[in-house]
Amino acid sequence: MAVPTLFPTLETNRLLLREVVGSDAPAILAIHGDAELMRLFGNDPISDIDGADALIATFASWRQLPNTGTRWAVEIKGTPGLVGTCGLFGWNRAWRKCMVGYELAKHAQGKGYMREGLSAALSWGFKEMRINRVEAQVHPGNEPSLKLLRRLRFVEEGRLRQGGYWAGQHHDLLQYSLLREDWILDGNS
């Protein structure tokens, strides 16, 4: 399946999922520059607006790669600016699978925004990308993320010993997956 040329904007009851653009750099810096948020995320914090611009360019480049990806800005309707991002990346077309990633500003956590946004992104992925499997790798100490994955019907498959490296040390990661059949059985499309 060819990658669409137009960015796929998605809408939910409370959210707009849109392309991450240059004007989002301050919000990206606020999230990805927060050392506490990044502690269990899998990346070192970015330190300046140039780092935010580089991350936005990385998200944009995903749509041009052979194993493409799409990263959405998560924006609350009626409130300008993003509160986080979510996306599908590392798309292996032959195996019909990809990875999922997401992060949310502290002030927006605990309100169901990421569950709502990821639900829209996953539905889009299963329909438009025709994927069968979505994988997630999460630090074992990231309980909010693990709770979110379980609510979305992801299943834990095991521990990747020292599968990640950031903040100058190796970290174990828990491997989760969601299959199309589990998503459809839950009444999603």
N, C-alpha and C. Protein backbone atom coordinates (compact mmCIF):
# COMPACT_ATOMS: atom_id res chain seq x y z
N MET A 1 0.85 -1.18 0.00
CA MET A 1 0.00 0.00 0.00
C MET A 1 0.89 1.24 0.00
N ALA A 2 0.61 2.19 -0.83
CA ALA A 2 1.39 3.42 -0.92
C ALA A 2 1.10 4.33 0.27
N VAL A 3 2.10 5.07 0.68
CA VAL A 3 1.92 6.03 1.76
C VAL A 3 1.15 7.21 1.23
N PRO A 4 0.08 7.64 1.94
CA PRO A 4 -0.69 8.77 1.46
C PRO A 4 0.18 10.03 1.42
N THR A 5 -0.06 10.89 0.42
CA THR A 5 0.73 12.11 0.32
C THR A 5 0.25 13.17 1.30
N LEU A 6 -1.01 13.21 1.62
CA LEU A 6 -1.54 14.15 2.59
C LEU A 6 -1.44 13.54 3.98
N PHE A 7 -1.11 14.37 4.95
CA PHE A 7 -1.02 13.88 6.31
C PHE A 7 -2.42 13.50 6.80
N PRO A 8 -2.57 12.33 7.42
CA PRO A 8 -3.90 11.87 7.86
C PRO A 8 -4.32 12.54 9.18
N THR A 9 -5.13 13.56 9.10
CA THR A 9 -5.66 14.21 10.29
C THR A 9 -6.81 13.37 10.83
N LEU A 10 -6.81 13.16 12.15
CA LEU A 10 -7.84 12.34 12.80
C LEU A 10 -8.54 13.20 13.85
N GLU A 11 -9.80 12.87 14.10
CA GLU A 11 -10.57 13.63 15.08
C GLU A 11 -11.32 12.67 15.98
N THR A 12 -11.35 12.98 17.28
CA THR A 12 -12.13 12.22 18.26
C THR A 12 -13.10 13.20 18.92
N ASN A 13 -13.82 12.75 19.93
CA ASN A 13 -14.75 13.64 20.62
C ASN A 13 -14.05 14.87 21.18
N ARG A 14 -12.87 14.67 21.79
CA ARG A 14 -12.19 15.79 22.47
C ARG A 14 -10.90 16.24 21.80
N LEU A 15 -10.40 15.45 20.85
CA LEU A 15 -9.06 15.68 20.34
C LEU A 15 -9.00 15.87 18.83
N LEU A 16 -7.96 16.59 18.42
CA LEU A 16 -7.56 16.67 17.03
C LEU A 16 -6.16 16.07 16.95
N LEU A 17 -5.98 15.08 16.10
CA LEU A 17 -4.67 14.50 15.85
C LEU A 17 -4.23 15.01 14.48
N ARG A 18 -3.16 15.79 14.49
CA ARG A 18 -2.72 16.47 13.29
C ARG A 18 -1.21 16.34 13.17
N GLU A 19 -0.70 16.84 12.07
CA GLU A 19 0.75 16.79 11.83
C GLU A 19 1.48 17.66 12.86
N VAL A 20 2.63 17.18 13.32
CA VAL A 20 3.50 17.97 14.18
C VAL A 20 4.24 18.95 13.27
N VAL A 21 4.15 20.25 13.58
CA VAL A 21 4.73 21.29 12.72
C VAL A 21 5.72 22.15 13.52
N GLY A 22 6.45 22.98 12.79
CA GLY A 22 7.49 23.80 13.39
C GLY A 22 7.03 24.65 14.55
N SER A 23 5.81 25.17 14.49
CA SER A 23 5.31 26.01 15.58
C SER A 23 5.06 25.22 16.86
N ASP A 24 5.12 23.90 16.79
CA ASP A 24 4.97 23.05 17.98
C ASP A 24 6.26 22.90 18.77
N ALA A 25 7.36 23.48 18.26
CA ALA A 25 8.66 23.28 18.91
C ALA A 25 8.68 23.65 20.39
N PRO A 26 8.09 24.77 20.83
CA PRO A 26 8.11 25.05 22.27
C PRO A 26 7.40 23.99 23.12
N ALA A 27 6.28 23.49 22.63
CA ALA A 27 5.56 22.44 23.37
C ALA A 27 6.34 21.13 23.36
N ILE A 28 6.98 20.81 22.23
CA ILE A 28 7.82 19.61 22.16
C ILE A 28 8.98 19.74 23.14
N LEU A 29 9.59 20.92 23.19
CA LEU A 29 10.70 21.14 24.13
C LEU A 29 10.22 21.00 25.57
N ALA A 30 9.04 21.52 25.90
CA ALA A 30 8.52 21.41 27.26
C ALA A 30 8.33 19.96 27.68
N ILE A 31 7.88 19.12 26.74
CA ILE A 31 7.66 17.70 27.06
C ILE A 31 8.98 16.93 27.03
N HIS A 32 9.68 17.01 25.91
CA HIS A 32 10.90 16.21 25.73
C HIS A 32 12.11 16.80 26.45
N GLY A 33 11.98 18.01 26.99
CA GLY A 33 13.04 18.60 27.79
C GLY A 33 12.85 18.34 29.27
N ASP A 34 11.72 17.76 29.65
CA ASP A 34 11.41 17.46 31.05
C ASP A 34 12.11 16.16 31.46
N ALA A 35 13.17 16.27 32.23
CA ALA A 35 13.98 15.11 32.60
C ALA A 35 13.15 14.05 33.33
N GLU A 36 12.20 14.46 34.14
CA GLU A 36 11.37 13.49 34.87
C GLU A 36 10.47 12.70 33.90
N LEU A 37 9.87 13.39 32.94
CA LEU A 37 9.05 12.70 31.95
C LEU A 37 9.89 11.74 31.10
N MET A 38 11.08 12.15 30.74
CA MET A 38 11.94 11.35 29.86
C MET A 38 12.67 10.23 30.59
N ARG A 39 12.66 10.26 31.92
CA ARG A 39 13.38 9.27 32.72
C ARG A 39 13.02 7.84 32.33
N LEU A 40 11.76 7.58 32.06
CA LEU A 40 11.30 6.24 31.71
C LEU A 40 10.83 6.15 30.26
N PHE A 41 11.02 7.20 29.49
CA PHE A 41 10.50 7.26 28.12
C PHE A 41 11.36 6.50 27.12
N GLY A 42 12.67 6.59 27.28
CA GLY A 42 13.55 5.90 26.34
C GLY A 42 14.46 6.81 25.57
N ASN A 43 14.42 8.09 25.89
CA ASN A 43 15.31 9.07 25.25
C ASN A 43 15.89 9.98 26.31
N ASP A 44 17.06 10.51 26.02
CA ASP A 44 17.60 11.57 26.87
C ASP A 44 16.80 12.83 26.60
N PRO A 45 16.63 13.70 27.62
CA PRO A 45 15.90 14.94 27.39
C PRO A 45 16.61 15.83 26.37
N ILE A 46 15.82 16.57 25.60
CA ILE A 46 16.41 17.56 24.71
C ILE A 46 16.62 18.84 25.52
N SER A 47 17.58 19.65 25.12
CA SER A 47 17.96 20.78 25.96
C SER A 47 17.63 22.15 25.38
N ASP A 48 17.24 22.20 24.11
CA ASP A 48 16.99 23.52 23.52
C ASP A 48 16.02 23.39 22.34
N ILE A 49 15.65 24.54 21.81
CA ILE A 49 14.67 24.59 20.71
C ILE A 49 15.21 23.90 19.46
N ASP A 50 16.53 23.93 19.26
CA ASP A 50 17.11 23.22 18.12
C ASP A 50 16.86 21.72 18.22
N GLY A 51 16.92 21.18 19.44
CA GLY A 51 16.61 19.77 19.65
C GLY A 51 15.16 19.46 19.34
N ALA A 52 14.26 20.39 19.71
CA ALA A 52 12.84 20.22 19.41
C ALA A 52 12.61 20.25 17.90
N ASP A 53 13.27 21.20 17.22
CA ASP A 53 13.15 21.28 15.77
C ASP A 53 13.66 20.00 15.11
N ALA A 54 14.75 19.45 15.61
CA ALA A 54 15.31 18.21 15.06
C ALA A 54 14.35 17.05 15.26
N LEU A 55 13.68 17.00 16.41
CA LEU A 55 12.71 15.92 16.67
C LEU A 55 11.51 16.06 15.72
N ILE A 56 11.04 17.26 15.51
CA ILE A 56 9.94 17.49 14.57
C ILE A 56 10.35 17.05 13.16
N ALA A 57 11.57 17.36 12.77
CA ALA A 57 12.08 16.93 11.45
C ALA A 57 12.15 15.41 11.37
N THR A 58 12.52 14.77 12.46
CA THR A 58 12.56 13.30 12.49
C THR A 58 11.15 12.74 12.28
N PHE A 59 10.18 13.28 13.01
CA PHE A 59 8.79 12.81 12.83
C PHE A 59 8.35 12.98 11.38
N ALA A 60 8.67 14.13 10.77
CA ALA A 60 8.28 14.38 9.37
C ALA A 60 8.96 13.41 8.43
N SER A 61 10.22 13.07 8.71
CA SER A 61 10.96 12.18 7.81
C SER A 61 10.44 10.75 7.83
N TRP A 62 9.77 10.36 8.91
CA TRP A 62 9.26 8.99 9.00
C TRP A 62 8.38 8.63 7.81
N ARG A 63 7.62 9.56 7.31
CA ARG A 63 6.69 9.26 6.23
C ARG A 63 7.39 9.02 4.91
N GLN A 64 8.69 9.31 4.86
CA GLN A 64 9.46 9.10 3.63
C GLN A 64 10.33 7.84 3.70
N LEU A 65 10.42 7.20 4.84
CA LEU A 65 11.29 6.05 5.01
C LEU A 65 10.66 4.77 4.46
N PRO A 66 11.49 3.78 4.10
CA PRO A 66 10.95 2.49 3.65
C PRO A 66 10.05 1.85 4.71
N ASN A 67 10.47 1.90 5.98
CA ASN A 67 9.64 1.40 7.08
C ASN A 67 9.00 2.61 7.75
N THR A 68 8.05 3.18 7.06
CA THR A 68 7.47 4.47 7.37
C THR A 68 6.78 4.52 8.73
N GLY A 69 6.47 5.71 9.12
CA GLY A 69 5.73 5.93 10.36
C GLY A 69 4.96 7.23 10.28
N THR A 70 4.02 7.40 11.19
CA THR A 70 3.22 8.61 11.27
C THR A 70 3.15 9.02 12.73
N ARG A 71 3.50 10.26 13.03
CA ARG A 71 3.45 10.77 14.39
C ARG A 71 2.50 11.96 14.40
N TRP A 72 1.47 11.87 15.24
CA TRP A 72 0.46 12.91 15.33
C TRP A 72 0.71 13.81 16.53
N ALA A 73 0.44 15.10 16.36
CA ALA A 73 0.31 16.01 17.49
C ALA A 73 -1.05 15.74 18.11
N VAL A 74 -1.09 15.60 19.42
CA VAL A 74 -2.35 15.42 20.14
C VAL A 74 -2.74 16.79 20.68
N GLU A 75 -3.84 17.32 20.16
CA GLU A 75 -4.30 18.66 20.53
C GLU A 75 -5.72 18.56 21.07
N ILE A 76 -5.97 19.20 22.19
CA ILE A 76 -7.32 19.24 22.76
C ILE A 76 -8.11 20.27 21.96
N LYS A 77 -9.27 19.86 21.47
CA LYS A 77 -10.10 20.77 20.67
C LYS A 77 -10.39 22.05 21.45
N GLY A 78 -10.25 23.18 20.76
CA GLY A 78 -10.52 24.47 21.37
C GLY A 78 -9.36 25.02 22.18
N THR A 79 -8.28 24.26 22.27
CA THR A 79 -7.09 24.69 23.00
C THR A 79 -5.91 24.63 22.05
N PRO A 80 -5.33 25.78 21.72
CA PRO A 80 -4.23 25.75 20.74
C PRO A 80 -2.99 25.05 21.31
N GLY A 81 -2.27 24.38 20.43
CA GLY A 81 -1.02 23.73 20.80
C GLY A 81 -1.21 22.28 21.20
N LEU A 82 -0.14 21.54 21.04
CA LEU A 82 -0.20 20.12 21.37
C LEU A 82 0.03 19.88 22.85
N VAL A 83 -0.51 18.77 23.35
CA VAL A 83 -0.27 18.33 24.73
C VAL A 83 0.55 17.05 24.74
N GLY A 84 0.82 16.52 23.56
CA GLY A 84 1.61 15.31 23.43
C GLY A 84 1.64 14.86 21.99
N THR A 85 2.24 13.70 21.77
CA THR A 85 2.22 13.10 20.44
C THR A 85 1.98 11.61 20.58
N CYS A 86 1.52 11.01 19.51
CA CYS A 86 1.41 9.56 19.45
C CYS A 86 1.60 9.14 18.01
N GLY A 87 2.03 7.91 17.81
CA GLY A 87 2.23 7.50 16.45
C GLY A 87 2.56 6.04 16.27
N LEU A 88 2.56 5.66 15.02
CA LEU A 88 2.89 4.32 14.57
C LEU A 88 4.13 4.45 13.70
N PHE A 89 5.14 3.61 13.94
CA PHE A 89 6.39 3.74 13.21
C PHE A 89 7.02 2.36 13.03
N GLY A 90 8.08 2.33 12.22
CA GLY A 90 8.76 1.06 11.97
C GLY A 90 7.86 0.05 11.27
N TRP A 91 7.07 0.54 10.33
CA TRP A 91 6.08 -0.29 9.65
C TRP A 91 6.79 -1.32 8.76
N ASN A 92 6.63 -2.57 9.09
CA ASN A 92 7.13 -3.67 8.27
C ASN A 92 5.95 -4.16 7.45
N ARG A 93 5.87 -3.71 6.20
CA ARG A 93 4.72 -4.04 5.35
C ARG A 93 4.60 -5.54 5.12
N ALA A 94 5.73 -6.21 4.88
CA ALA A 94 5.70 -7.65 4.59
C ALA A 94 5.14 -8.45 5.76
N TRP A 95 5.49 -8.03 6.96
CA TRP A 95 5.03 -8.76 8.15
C TRP A 95 3.76 -8.16 8.74
N ARG A 96 3.31 -7.02 8.17
CA ARG A 96 2.07 -6.34 8.59
C ARG A 96 2.09 -5.99 10.08
N LYS A 97 3.21 -5.35 10.48
CA LYS A 97 3.32 -4.94 11.88
C LYS A 97 4.05 -3.61 11.98
N CYS A 98 3.92 -2.96 13.14
CA CYS A 98 4.62 -1.71 13.41
C CYS A 98 4.75 -1.55 14.92
N MET A 99 5.37 -0.44 15.32
CA MET A 99 5.53 -0.09 16.73
C MET A 99 4.62 1.10 17.04
N VAL A 100 4.37 1.30 18.32
CA VAL A 100 3.60 2.46 18.77
C VAL A 100 4.45 3.24 19.76
N GLY A 101 4.30 4.56 19.72
CA GLY A 101 4.99 5.43 20.67
C GLY A 101 4.10 6.60 21.03
N TYR A 102 4.32 7.18 22.20
CA TYR A 102 3.48 8.28 22.67
C TYR A 102 4.11 8.93 23.89
N GLU A 103 3.75 10.18 24.11
CA GLU A 103 4.11 10.90 25.32
C GLU A 103 3.11 12.03 25.52
N LEU A 104 2.94 12.43 26.77
CA LEU A 104 1.92 13.42 27.12
C LEU A 104 2.48 14.36 28.18
N ALA A 105 2.20 15.65 28.03
CA ALA A 105 2.61 16.64 29.03
C ALA A 105 2.01 16.30 30.39
N LYS A 106 2.72 16.64 31.44
CA LYS A 106 2.25 16.31 32.80
C LYS A 106 0.86 16.86 33.08
N HIS A 107 0.59 18.11 32.67
CA HIS A 107 -0.70 18.73 32.98
C HIS A 107 -1.87 18.05 32.27
N ALA A 108 -1.61 17.25 31.26
CA ALA A 108 -2.69 16.58 30.52
C ALA A 108 -2.86 15.12 30.91
N GLN A 109 -2.02 14.62 31.78
CA GLN A 109 -2.07 13.21 32.16
C GLN A 109 -3.24 12.92 33.09
N GLY A 110 -3.72 11.69 33.04
CA GLY A 110 -4.79 11.24 33.92
C GLY A 110 -6.18 11.66 33.50
N LYS A 111 -6.33 12.14 32.26
CA LYS A 111 -7.63 12.61 31.78
C LYS A 111 -8.16 11.79 30.62
N GLY A 112 -7.46 10.72 30.26
CA GLY A 112 -7.91 9.85 29.19
C GLY A 112 -7.56 10.33 27.79
N TYR A 113 -6.78 11.41 27.67
CA TYR A 113 -6.47 11.93 26.35
C TYR A 113 -5.65 10.96 25.51
N MET A 114 -4.64 10.34 26.12
CA MET A 114 -3.81 9.46 25.31
C MET A 114 -4.56 8.19 24.92
N ARG A 115 -5.40 7.70 25.78
CA ARG A 115 -6.20 6.53 25.40
C ARG A 115 -7.10 6.87 24.21
N GLU A 116 -7.70 8.04 24.25
CA GLU A 116 -8.57 8.48 23.15
C GLU A 116 -7.77 8.68 21.87
N GLY A 117 -6.62 9.33 21.98
CA GLY A 117 -5.79 9.57 20.81
C GLY A 117 -5.22 8.29 20.22
N LEU A 118 -4.70 7.42 21.07
CA LEU A 118 -4.14 6.16 20.58
C LEU A 118 -5.22 5.27 19.97
N SER A 119 -6.41 5.31 20.52
CA SER A 119 -7.50 4.52 19.94
C SER A 119 -7.75 4.94 18.49
N ALA A 120 -7.75 6.24 18.25
CA ALA A 120 -7.94 6.73 16.88
C ALA A 120 -6.77 6.33 15.99
N ALA A 121 -5.55 6.47 16.50
CA ALA A 121 -4.36 6.11 15.72
C ALA A 121 -4.33 4.62 15.41
N LEU A 122 -4.67 3.79 16.38
CA LEU A 122 -4.67 2.34 16.17
C LEU A 122 -5.74 1.93 15.16
N SER A 123 -6.93 2.50 15.29
CA SER A 123 -7.99 2.20 14.31
C SER A 123 -7.55 2.57 12.91
N TRP A 124 -6.91 3.74 12.77
CA TRP A 124 -6.40 4.17 11.48
C TRP A 124 -5.35 3.18 10.97
N GLY A 125 -4.45 2.76 11.84
CA GLY A 125 -3.40 1.82 11.43
C GLY A 125 -3.93 0.48 10.98
N PHE A 126 -4.88 -0.05 11.72
CA PHE A 126 -5.45 -1.34 11.32
C PHE A 126 -6.20 -1.23 10.00
N LYS A 127 -6.87 -0.10 9.78
CA LYS A 127 -7.64 0.07 8.55
C LYS A 127 -6.77 0.50 7.37
N GLU A 128 -6.02 1.58 7.53
CA GLU A 128 -5.29 2.18 6.41
C GLU A 128 -3.96 1.49 6.11
N MET A 129 -3.25 1.08 7.14
CA MET A 129 -1.96 0.41 6.95
C MET A 129 -2.14 -1.11 6.80
N ARG A 130 -3.32 -1.57 7.17
CA ARG A 130 -3.65 -3.00 7.11
C ARG A 130 -2.67 -3.83 7.93
N ILE A 131 -2.28 -3.27 9.08
CA ILE A 131 -1.39 -4.01 9.97
C ILE A 131 -2.17 -5.07 10.72
N ASN A 132 -1.48 -6.08 11.16
CA ASN A 132 -2.07 -7.13 11.97
C ASN A 132 -1.58 -7.06 13.41
N ARG A 133 -0.40 -6.45 13.61
CA ARG A 133 0.23 -6.46 14.93
C ARG A 133 0.87 -5.10 15.20
N VAL A 134 0.64 -4.60 16.41
CA VAL A 134 1.29 -3.37 16.89
C VAL A 134 2.07 -3.75 18.13
N GLU A 135 3.35 -3.35 18.15
CA GLU A 135 4.22 -3.66 19.28
C GLU A 135 4.51 -2.41 20.10
N ALA A 136 4.71 -2.60 21.39
CA ALA A 136 5.11 -1.52 22.29
C ALA A 136 6.19 -2.04 23.21
N GLN A 137 7.18 -1.21 23.47
CA GLN A 137 8.23 -1.54 24.42
C GLN A 137 8.25 -0.45 25.47
N VAL A 138 8.11 -0.85 26.73
CA VAL A 138 7.93 0.11 27.82
C VAL A 138 8.84 -0.25 28.99
N HIS A 139 9.40 0.76 29.62
CA HIS A 139 10.19 0.55 30.83
C HIS A 139 9.30 -0.06 31.90
N PRO A 140 9.77 -1.07 32.64
CA PRO A 140 8.94 -1.73 33.66
C PRO A 140 8.45 -0.79 34.76
N GLY A 141 9.14 0.32 34.97
CA GLY A 141 8.73 1.27 35.99
C GLY A 141 7.73 2.31 35.52
N ASN A 142 7.37 2.27 34.25
CA ASN A 142 6.45 3.26 33.70
C ASN A 142 5.01 2.76 33.84
N GLU A 143 4.54 2.76 35.06
CA GLU A 143 3.22 2.19 35.36
C GLU A 143 2.07 2.87 34.62
N PRO A 144 2.05 4.20 34.48
CA PRO A 144 0.94 4.80 33.70
C PRO A 144 0.89 4.29 32.26
N SER A 145 2.05 4.12 31.63
CA SER A 145 2.08 3.63 30.26
C SER A 145 1.64 2.17 30.20
N LEU A 146 2.09 1.37 31.13
CA LEU A 146 1.69 -0.04 31.16
C LEU A 146 0.18 -0.16 31.37
N LYS A 147 -0.37 0.67 32.25
CA LYS A 147 -1.81 0.66 32.50
C LYS A 147 -2.58 1.03 31.23
N LEU A 148 -2.08 2.04 30.53
CA LEU A 148 -2.72 2.46 29.27
C LEU A 148 -2.71 1.32 28.25
N LEU A 149 -1.57 0.68 28.08
CA LEU A 149 -1.49 -0.42 27.11
C LEU A 149 -2.47 -1.54 27.45
N ARG A 150 -2.55 -1.89 28.73
CA ARG A 150 -3.49 -2.96 29.14
C ARG A 150 -4.93 -2.55 28.85
N ARG A 151 -5.27 -1.29 29.09
CA ARG A 151 -6.63 -0.81 28.81
C ARG A 151 -6.95 -0.88 27.32
N LEU A 152 -5.93 -0.74 26.50
CA LEU A 152 -6.12 -0.82 25.05
C LEU A 152 -6.01 -2.25 24.53
N ARG A 153 -5.94 -3.22 25.42
CA ARG A 153 -5.92 -4.66 25.12
C ARG A 153 -4.57 -5.17 24.62
N PHE A 154 -3.50 -4.43 24.85
CA PHE A 154 -2.17 -4.95 24.57
C PHE A 154 -1.87 -6.06 25.57
N VAL A 155 -1.12 -7.04 25.12
CA VAL A 155 -0.78 -8.20 25.94
C VAL A 155 0.73 -8.22 26.17
N GLU A 156 1.14 -8.44 27.42
CA GLU A 156 2.56 -8.53 27.72
C GLU A 156 3.12 -9.84 27.18
N GLU A 157 4.27 -9.74 26.51
CA GLU A 157 4.89 -10.93 25.91
C GLU A 157 6.21 -11.31 26.58
N GLY A 158 6.81 -10.40 27.30
CA GLY A 158 8.06 -10.74 27.97
C GLY A 158 8.94 -9.54 28.22
N ARG A 159 10.10 -9.82 28.77
CA ARG A 159 11.08 -8.79 29.14
C ARG A 159 12.26 -8.84 28.18
N LEU A 160 12.62 -7.67 27.65
CA LEU A 160 13.82 -7.52 26.82
C LEU A 160 14.91 -7.02 27.75
N ARG A 161 15.77 -7.92 28.18
CA ARG A 161 16.81 -7.56 29.14
C ARG A 161 17.78 -6.57 28.52
N GLN A 162 17.93 -5.44 29.19
CA GLN A 162 18.80 -4.35 28.74
C GLN A 162 18.53 -4.00 27.27
N GLY A 163 17.27 -3.98 26.92
CA GLY A 163 16.86 -3.71 25.54
C GLY A 163 16.93 -2.25 25.15
N GLY A 164 17.08 -1.35 26.11
CA GLY A 164 17.17 0.07 25.82
C GLY A 164 18.40 0.68 26.45
N TYR A 165 18.81 1.82 25.89
CA TYR A 165 19.95 2.54 26.45
C TYR A 165 19.70 4.04 26.37
N TRP A 166 19.62 4.68 27.52
CA TRP A 166 19.52 6.13 27.61
C TRP A 166 19.97 6.55 29.01
N ALA A 167 20.19 7.82 29.16
CA ALA A 167 20.67 8.38 30.43
C ALA A 167 21.93 7.66 30.92
N GLY A 168 22.74 7.19 29.98
CA GLY A 168 24.01 6.58 30.32
C GLY A 168 23.94 5.19 30.92
N GLN A 169 22.80 4.54 30.78
CA GLN A 169 22.69 3.18 31.30
C GLN A 169 21.72 2.33 30.49
N HIS A 170 21.89 1.02 30.62
CA HIS A 170 21.00 0.06 29.97
C HIS A 170 19.73 -0.10 30.81
N HIS A 171 18.62 -0.34 30.11
CA HIS A 171 17.33 -0.51 30.78
C HIS A 171 16.61 -1.73 30.21
N ASP A 172 16.00 -2.50 31.09
CA ASP A 172 15.10 -3.55 30.63
C ASP A 172 13.84 -2.89 30.06
N LEU A 173 13.21 -3.57 29.12
CA LEU A 173 11.95 -3.11 28.55
C LEU A 173 10.96 -4.27 28.55
N LEU A 174 9.70 -3.98 28.74
CA LEU A 174 8.66 -4.99 28.61
C LEU A 174 8.08 -4.90 27.21
N GLN A 175 7.94 -6.05 26.58
CA GLN A 175 7.40 -6.14 25.21
C GLN A 175 5.90 -6.43 25.30
N TYR A 176 5.11 -5.60 24.63
CA TYR A 176 3.66 -5.76 24.55
C TYR A 176 3.26 -5.81 23.08
N SER A 177 2.10 -6.41 22.81
CA SER A 177 1.57 -6.38 21.45
C SER A 177 0.05 -6.34 21.48
N LEU A 178 -0.49 -5.83 20.38
CA LEU A 178 -1.93 -5.80 20.15
C LEU A 178 -2.15 -6.35 18.75
N LEU A 179 -3.04 -7.33 18.65
CA LEU A 179 -3.37 -7.92 17.35
C LEU A 179 -4.68 -7.35 16.83
N ARG A 180 -4.77 -7.31 15.52
CA ARG A 180 -5.99 -6.83 14.86
C ARG A 180 -7.23 -7.55 15.41
N GLU A 181 -7.15 -8.85 15.57
CA GLU A 181 -8.32 -9.61 16.03
C GLU A 181 -8.75 -9.18 17.43
N ASP A 182 -7.81 -8.82 18.29
CA ASP A 182 -8.15 -8.35 19.63
C ASP A 182 -8.81 -6.98 19.56
N TRP A 183 -8.33 -6.14 18.66
CA TRP A 183 -8.89 -4.80 18.51
C TRP A 183 -10.31 -4.87 17.97
N ILE A 184 -10.52 -5.69 16.94
CA ILE A 184 -11.85 -5.83 16.34
C ILE A 184 -12.82 -6.49 17.32
N LEU A 185 -12.36 -7.49 18.05
CA LEU A 185 -13.22 -8.15 19.03
C LEU A 185 -13.68 -7.20 20.12
N ASP A 186 -12.91 -6.15 20.37
CA ASP A 186 -13.26 -5.18 21.39
C ASP A 186 -14.25 -4.14 20.86
N GLY A 187 -14.71 -4.32 19.62
CA GLY A 187 -15.71 -3.43 19.06
C GLY A 187 -15.14 -2.23 18.32
N ASN A 188 -13.84 -2.24 18.10
CA ASN A 188 -13.20 -1.17 17.35
C ASN A 188 -13.20 -1.53 15.88
N SER A 189 -12.99 -0.53 15.06
CA SER A 189 -12.91 -0.82 13.62
C SER A 189 -11.75 -0.10 13.01
